[in-house]
Amino acid sequence: MATAIYCDNAVWGFTLLAIAQAMAGQATAAAETVAALRQKHPRFNLGVFRRHEPYRDAETLNRLTALLANAGLSE
């Protein structure tokens, strides 16, 4: 299944870690985490993140997406 890669708990662990690092001002660490995520799951991107995150508040989702984008996750 092509979408199974996106349900992998490791993907969400990487994204949560990168977001936490970015929020803590650890931009280099967040970029390294995103690089590791992309190495393991090269098709994962911001669009996939947006589609699979259950935030009802668009502002929160946009803020988290911006943090991941700043850390190097592409569209």
Protein backbone atom coordinates (compact mmCIF):
# COMPACT_ATOMS: atom_id res chain seq x y z
CA MET A 1 0.00 0.00 0.00
CA ALA A 2 1.48 3.33 -1.04
CA THR A 3 -0.09 5.26 1.84
CA ALA A 4 1.15 2.89 4.56
CA ILE A 5 4.40 4.84 4.70
CA TYR A 6 2.46 7.83 6.04
CA CYS A 7 0.81 5.88 8.84
CA ASP A 8 4.14 4.81 10.27
CA ASN A 9 4.42 6.06 13.85
CA ALA A 10 8.04 6.96 13.19
CA VAL A 11 6.88 9.65 10.74
CA TRP A 12 4.80 11.34 13.38
CA GLY A 13 7.59 10.97 15.93
CA PHE A 14 9.93 12.79 13.57
CA THR A 15 7.42 15.57 12.92
CA LEU A 16 6.62 16.04 16.60
CA LEU A 17 10.31 16.13 17.49
CA ALA A 18 11.10 18.62 14.72
CA ILE A 19 8.22 20.86 15.78
CA ALA A 20 9.29 20.75 19.43
CA GLN A 21 12.88 21.53 18.49
CA ALA A 22 11.79 24.44 16.28
CA MET A 23 9.54 25.83 19.02
CA ALA A 24 12.46 25.62 21.47
CA GLY A 25 14.63 27.67 19.11
CA GLN A 26 16.74 24.68 18.08
CA ALA A 27 16.60 25.33 14.33
CA THR A 28 19.65 23.23 13.50
CA ALA A 29 18.34 20.24 15.43
CA ALA A 30 14.91 20.62 13.77
CA ALA A 31 16.54 20.69 10.33
CA GLU A 32 18.54 17.56 11.18
CA THR A 33 15.38 15.80 12.33
CA VAL A 34 13.57 16.73 9.11
CA ALA A 35 16.57 15.52 7.10
CA ALA A 36 16.42 12.18 8.93
CA LEU A 37 12.68 11.99 8.28
CA ARG A 38 13.20 12.66 4.56
CA GLN A 39 15.92 10.01 4.45
CA LYS A 40 13.59 7.38 5.91
CA HIS A 41 10.40 8.54 4.18
CA PRO A 42 11.37 10.52 1.05
CA ARG A 43 7.77 10.95 -0.18
CA PHE A 44 6.57 12.55 3.06
CA ASN A 45 5.97 16.28 2.64
CA LEU A 46 3.95 19.19 4.01
CA GLY A 47 0.90 18.27 1.94
CA VAL A 48 0.81 14.81 3.48
CA PHE A 49 1.28 16.31 6.94
CA ARG A 50 -1.63 18.71 6.40
CA ARG A 51 -3.94 15.98 5.09
CA HIS A 52 -3.30 13.64 8.01
CA GLU A 53 -3.31 16.08 10.91
CA PRO A 54 -6.69 16.44 12.64
CA TYR A 55 -6.42 20.11 13.62
CA ARG A 56 -9.73 21.90 13.36
CA ASP A 57 -8.01 25.21 13.99
CA ALA A 58 -6.40 26.25 10.70
CA GLU A 59 -4.13 28.73 12.49
CA THR A 60 -2.54 25.97 14.59
CA LEU A 61 -2.03 23.74 11.56
CA ASN A 62 -0.53 26.64 9.62
CA ARG A 63 1.85 27.45 12.48
CA LEU A 64 3.02 23.83 12.75
CA THR A 65 3.37 23.54 8.98
CA ALA A 66 5.45 26.73 8.90
CA LEU A 67 7.77 25.33 11.58
CA LEU A 68 8.30 22.17 9.52
CA ALA A 69 8.81 24.19 6.35
CA ASN A 70 11.42 26.34 8.08
CA ALA A 71 13.15 23.14 9.15
CA GLY A 72 13.30 22.00 5.53
CA LEU A 73 10.22 19.89 4.86
CA SER A 74 9.04 20.60 1.32
CA GLU A 75 5.58 20.90 -0.23
